[in-house]
Amino acid sequence: MGTTANLKFYVEILKCGNYCILLETSKKYLSKYWDKLLINDPKICSIVLEFLH
């Protein structure tokens, strides 16, 4: 869990309201837009958070 491969997969398919997370694995990129994202799926959220930490 939390591998780059997993993150790429989930980031590619995940859409949050009007915001789409682009296929980008940079921690800075995700952190920069984190406040704009609403992730309702706990499984996906935990994977992304695990990657960030």
PDB file of N, CA and C in Angstrom:
ATOM      1  N   MET A   1       0.839  -1.199   0.000  1.00  0.00           N
ATOM      2  CA  MET A   1       0.000   0.000   0.000  1.00  0.00           C
ATOM      3  C   MET A   1       0.873   1.248   0.000  1.00  0.00           C
ATOM      4  N   GLY A   2       0.381   2.290  -0.631  1.00  0.00           N
ATOM      5  CA  GLY A   2       1.106   3.551  -0.611  1.00  0.00           C
ATOM      6  C   GLY A   2       2.261   3.616  -1.593  1.00  0.00           C
ATOM      7  N   THR A   3       2.363   2.599  -2.451  1.00  0.00           N
ATOM      8  CA  THR A   3       3.443   2.623  -3.424  1.00  0.00           C
ATOM      9  C   THR A   3       3.142   3.635  -4.514  1.00  0.00           C
ATOM     10  N   THR A   4       4.155   4.018  -5.241  1.00  0.00           N
ATOM     11  CA  THR A   4       3.971   4.967  -6.332  1.00  0.00           C
ATOM     12  C   THR A   4       2.996   4.416  -7.366  1.00  0.00           C
ATOM     13  N   ALA A   5       3.091   3.129  -7.642  1.00  0.00           N
ATOM     14  CA  ALA A   5       2.202   2.505  -8.619  1.00  0.00           C
ATOM     15  C   ALA A   5       0.744   2.612  -8.178  1.00  0.00           C
ATOM     16  N   ASN A   6       0.479   2.318  -6.908  1.00  0.00           N
ATOM     17  CA  ASN A   6      -0.883   2.426  -6.387  1.00  0.00           C
ATOM     18  C   ASN A   6      -1.377   3.855  -6.461  1.00  0.00           C
ATOM     19  N   LEU A   7      -0.525   4.788  -6.075  1.00  0.00           N
ATOM     20  CA  LEU A   7      -0.921   6.195  -6.077  1.00  0.00           C
ATOM     21  C   LEU A   7      -1.248   6.661  -7.487  1.00  0.00           C
ATOM     22  N   LYS A   8      -0.412   6.298  -8.443  1.00  0.00           N
ATOM     23  CA  LYS A   8      -0.669   6.680  -9.836  1.00  0.00           C
ATOM     24  C   LYS A   8      -2.026   6.167 -10.293  1.00  0.00           C
ATOM     25  N   PHE A   9      -2.335   4.938  -9.935  1.00  0.00           N
ATOM     26  CA  PHE A   9      -3.608   4.348 -10.341  1.00  0.00           C
ATOM     27  C   PHE A   9      -4.781   5.110  -9.743  1.00  0.00           C
ATOM     28  N   TYR A  10      -4.745   5.347  -8.446  1.00  0.00           N
ATOM     29  CA  TYR A  10      -5.861   6.022  -7.790  1.00  0.00           C
ATOM     30  C   TYR A  10      -5.964   7.480  -8.188  1.00  0.00           C
ATOM     31  N   VAL A  11      -4.834   8.145  -8.335  1.00  0.00           N
ATOM     32  CA  VAL A  11      -4.838   9.547  -8.741  1.00  0.00           C
ATOM     33  C   VAL A  11      -5.442   9.700 -10.129  1.00  0.00           C
ATOM     34  N   GLU A  12      -5.156   8.735 -10.992  1.00  0.00           N
ATOM     35  CA  GLU A  12      -5.653   8.796 -12.367  1.00  0.00           C
ATOM     36  C   GLU A  12      -7.173   8.688 -12.427  1.00  0.00           C
ATOM     37  N   ILE A  13      -7.764   7.888 -11.551  1.00  0.00           N
ATOM     38  CA  ILE A  13      -9.210   7.664 -11.618  1.00  0.00           C
ATOM     39  C   ILE A  13     -10.011   8.529 -10.655  1.00  0.00           C
ATOM     40  N   LEU A  14      -9.328   9.158  -9.701  1.00  0.00           N
ATOM     41  CA  LEU A  14     -10.038   9.888  -8.655  1.00  0.00           C
ATOM     42  C   LEU A  14     -10.489  11.262  -9.114  1.00  0.00           C
ATOM     43  N   LYS A  15     -11.762  11.559  -8.896  1.00  0.00           N
ATOM     44  CA  LYS A  15     -12.298  12.875  -9.211  1.00  0.00           C
ATOM     45  C   LYS A  15     -13.010  13.397  -7.975  1.00  0.00           C
ATOM     46  N   CYS A  16     -12.710  14.630  -7.589  1.00  0.00           N
ATOM     47  CA  CYS A  16     -13.283  15.186  -6.375  1.00  0.00           C
ATOM     48  C   CYS A  16     -14.099  16.413  -6.734  1.00  0.00           C
ATOM     49  N   GLY A  17     -15.428  16.282  -6.779  1.00  0.00           N
ATOM     50  CA  GLY A  17     -16.279  17.395  -7.140  1.00  0.00           C
ATOM     51  C   GLY A  17     -15.896  17.906  -8.513  1.00  0.00           C
ATOM     52  N   ASN A  18     -15.585  19.191  -8.627  1.00  0.00           N
ATOM     53  CA  ASN A  18     -15.165  19.772  -9.899  1.00  0.00           C
ATOM     54  C   ASN A  18     -13.660  19.655 -10.095  1.00  0.00           C
ATOM     55  N   TYR A  19     -12.973  19.153  -9.081  1.00  0.00           N
ATOM     56  CA  TYR A  19     -11.523  19.044  -9.169  1.00  0.00           C
ATOM     57  C   TYR A  19     -11.110  17.629  -9.545  1.00  0.00           C
ATOM     58  N   CYS A  20     -10.181  17.519 -10.454  1.00  0.00           N
ATOM     59  CA  CYS A  20      -9.613  16.224 -10.806  1.00  0.00           C
ATOM     60  C   CYS A  20      -8.150  16.245 -10.394  1.00  0.00           C
ATOM     61  N   ILE A  21      -7.727  15.204  -9.708  1.00  0.00           N
ATOM     62  CA  ILE A  21      -6.304  15.119  -9.388  1.00  0.00           C
ATOM     63  C   ILE A  21      -5.585  14.635 -10.638  1.00  0.00           C
ATOM     64  N   LEU A  22      -4.683  15.428 -11.142  1.00  0.00           N
ATOM     65  CA  LEU A  22      -3.928  15.041 -12.328  1.00  0.00           C
ATOM     66  C   LEU A  22      -2.944  13.936 -11.985  1.00  0.00           C
ATOM     67  N   LEU A  23      -2.520  13.219 -13.008  1.00  0.00           N
ATOM     68  CA  LEU A  23      -1.586  12.120 -12.797  1.00  0.00           C
ATOM     69  C   LEU A  23      -0.226  12.694 -12.410  1.00  0.00           C
ATOM     70  N   GLU A  24      -0.054  12.878 -11.108  1.00  0.00           N
ATOM     71  CA  GLU A  24       1.144  13.535 -10.592  1.00  0.00           C
ATOM     72  C   GLU A  24       1.470  12.951  -9.233  1.00  0.00           C
ATOM     73  N   THR A  25       2.668  12.455  -9.069  1.00  0.00           N
ATOM     74  CA  THR A  25       3.017  11.780  -7.828  1.00  0.00           C
ATOM     75  C   THR A  25       3.878  12.632  -6.912  1.00  0.00           C
ATOM     76  N   SER A  26       4.090  13.878  -7.298  1.00  0.00           N
ATOM     77  CA  SER A  26       4.902  14.758  -6.469  1.00  0.00           C
ATOM     78  C   SER A  26       4.189  15.086  -5.169  1.00  0.00           C
ATOM     79  N   LYS A  27       4.878  14.917  -4.051  1.00  0.00           N
ATOM     80  CA  LYS A  27       4.295  15.242  -2.752  1.00  0.00           C
ATOM     81  C   LYS A  27       3.934  16.718  -2.675  1.00  0.00           C
ATOM     82  N   LYS A  28       4.784  17.556  -3.233  1.00  0.00           N
ATOM     83  CA  LYS A  28       4.527  18.996  -3.202  1.00  0.00           C
ATOM     84  C   LYS A  28       3.274  19.340  -3.988  1.00  0.00           C
ATOM     85  N   TYR A  29       3.092  18.678  -5.121  1.00  0.00           N
ATOM     86  CA  TYR A  29       1.918  18.943  -5.953  1.00  0.00           C
ATOM     87  C   TYR A  29       0.646  18.593  -5.197  1.00  0.00           C
ATOM     88  N   LEU A  30       0.621  17.402  -4.605  1.00  0.00           N
ATOM     89  CA  LEU A  30      -0.561  16.966  -3.878  1.00  0.00           C
ATOM     90  C   LEU A  30      -0.826  17.857  -2.673  1.00  0.00           C
ATOM     91  N   SER A  31       0.222  18.226  -1.955  1.00  0.00           N
ATOM     92  CA  SER A  31       0.067  19.080  -0.780  1.00  0.00           C
ATOM     93  C   SER A  31      -0.460  20.453  -1.166  1.00  0.00           C
ATOM     94  N   LYS A  32       0.003  20.945  -2.298  1.00  0.00           N
ATOM     95  CA  LYS A  32      -0.374  22.276  -2.774  1.00  0.00           C
ATOM     96  C   LYS A  32      -1.875  22.378  -3.026  1.00  0.00           C
ATOM     97  N   TYR A  33      -2.459  21.302  -3.527  1.00  0.00           N
ATOM     98  CA  TYR A  33      -3.874  21.324  -3.881  1.00  0.00           C
ATOM     99  C   TYR A  33      -4.751  20.562  -2.885  1.00  0.00           C
ATOM    100  N   TRP A  34      -4.140  20.113  -1.798  1.00  0.00           N
ATOM    101  CA  TRP A  34      -4.860  19.277  -0.839  1.00  0.00           C
ATOM    102  C   TRP A  34      -6.096  19.972  -0.291  1.00  0.00           C
ATOM    103  N   ASP A  35      -5.998  21.297  -0.042  1.00  0.00           N
ATOM    104  CA  ASP A  35      -7.117  22.040   0.543  1.00  0.00           C
ATOM    105  C   ASP A  35      -8.302  22.137  -0.412  1.00  0.00           C
ATOM    106  N   LYS A  36      -8.079  21.868  -1.690  1.00  0.00           N
ATOM    107  CA  LYS A  36      -9.152  21.956  -2.681  1.00  0.00           C
ATOM    108  C   LYS A  36      -9.824  20.609  -2.910  1.00  0.00           C
ATOM    109  N   LEU A  37      -9.261  19.562  -2.319  1.00  0.00           N
ATOM    110  CA  LEU A  37      -9.758  18.221  -2.601  1.00  0.00           C
ATOM    111  C   LEU A  37     -10.704  17.719  -1.524  1.00  0.00           C
ATOM    112  N   LEU A  38     -11.760  17.071  -1.956  1.00  0.00           N
ATOM    113  CA  LEU A  38     -12.687  16.434  -1.029  1.00  0.00           C
ATOM    114  C   LEU A  38     -12.724  14.953  -1.365  1.00  0.00           C
ATOM    115  N   ILE A  39     -12.045  14.166  -0.558  1.00  0.00           N
ATOM    116  CA  ILE A  39     -11.979  12.739  -0.838  1.00  0.00           C
ATOM    117  C   ILE A  39     -12.955  12.006   0.073  1.00  0.00           C
ATOM    118  N   ASN A  40     -13.989  11.425  -0.519  1.00  0.00           N
ATOM    119  CA  ASN A  40     -15.038  10.763   0.245  1.00  0.00           C
ATOM    120  C   ASN A  40     -14.756   9.284   0.491  1.00  0.00           C
ATOM    121  N   ASP A  41     -13.879   8.724  -0.303  1.00  0.00           N
ATOM    122  CA  ASP A  41     -13.579   7.303  -0.170  1.00  0.00           C
ATOM    123  C   ASP A  41     -12.415   7.114   0.805  1.00  0.00           C
ATOM    124  N   PRO A  42     -12.679   6.546   1.994  1.00  0.00           N
ATOM    125  CA  PRO A  42     -11.649   6.372   3.027  1.00  0.00           C
ATOM    126  C   PRO A  42     -10.468   5.544   2.537  1.00  0.00           C
ATOM    127  N   LYS A  43     -10.744   4.564   1.674  1.00  0.00           N
ATOM    128  CA  LYS A  43      -9.683   3.695   1.167  1.00  0.00           C
ATOM    129  C   LYS A  43      -8.696   4.499   0.330  1.00  0.00           C
ATOM    130  N   ILE A  44      -9.222   5.291  -0.595  1.00  0.00           N
ATOM    131  CA  ILE A  44      -8.375   6.122  -1.444  1.00  0.00           C
ATOM    132  C   ILE A  44      -7.665   7.177  -0.610  1.00  0.00           C
ATOM    133  N   CYS A  45      -8.411   7.778   0.311  1.00  0.00           N
ATOM    134  CA  CYS A  45      -7.853   8.816   1.169  1.00  0.00           C
ATOM    135  C   CYS A  45      -6.662   8.277   1.954  1.00  0.00           C
ATOM    136  N   SER A  46      -6.796   7.087   2.522  1.00  0.00           N
ATOM    137  CA  SER A  46      -5.729   6.497   3.320  1.00  0.00           C
ATOM    138  C   SER A  46      -4.501   6.203   2.472  1.00  0.00           C
ATOM    139  N   ILE A  47      -4.719   5.784   1.230  1.00  0.00           N
ATOM    140  CA  ILE A  47      -3.598   5.501   0.329  1.00  0.00           C
ATOM    141  C   ILE A  47      -2.829   6.777   0.012  1.00  0.00           C
ATOM    142  N   VAL A  48      -3.569   7.844  -0.303  1.00  0.00           N
ATOM    143  CA  VAL A  48      -2.928   9.119  -0.617  1.00  0.00           C
ATOM    144  C   VAL A  48      -2.206   9.674   0.600  1.00  0.00           C
ATOM    145  N   LEU A  49      -2.857   9.635   1.756  1.00  0.00           N
ATOM    146  CA  LEU A  49      -2.244  10.141   2.979  1.00  0.00           C
ATOM    147  C   LEU A  49      -1.007   9.340   3.347  1.00  0.00           C
ATOM    148  N   GLU A  50      -1.075   8.029   3.152  1.00  0.00           N
ATOM    149  CA  GLU A  50       0.062   7.161   3.451  1.00  0.00           C
ATOM    150  C   GLU A  50       1.251   7.532   2.575  1.00  0.00           C
ATOM    151  N   PHE A  51       0.978   7.850   1.315  1.00  0.00           N
ATOM    152  CA  PHE A  51       2.034   8.258   0.394  1.00  0.00           C
ATOM    153  C   PHE A  51       2.648   9.585   0.828  1.00  0.00           C
ATOM    154  N   LEU A  52       1.790  10.527   1.235  1.00  0.00           N
ATOM    155  CA  LEU A  52       2.262  11.849   1.635  1.00  0.00           C
ATOM    156  C   LEU A  52       3.135  11.787   2.878  1.00  0.00           C
ATOM    157  N   HIS A  53       2.823  10.854   3.766  1.00  0.00           N
ATOM    158  CA  HIS A  53       3.596  10.739   4.996  1.00  0.00           C
ATOM    159  C   HIS A  53       4.687   9.700   4.834  1.00  0.00           C
TER     160      HIS A  53
END
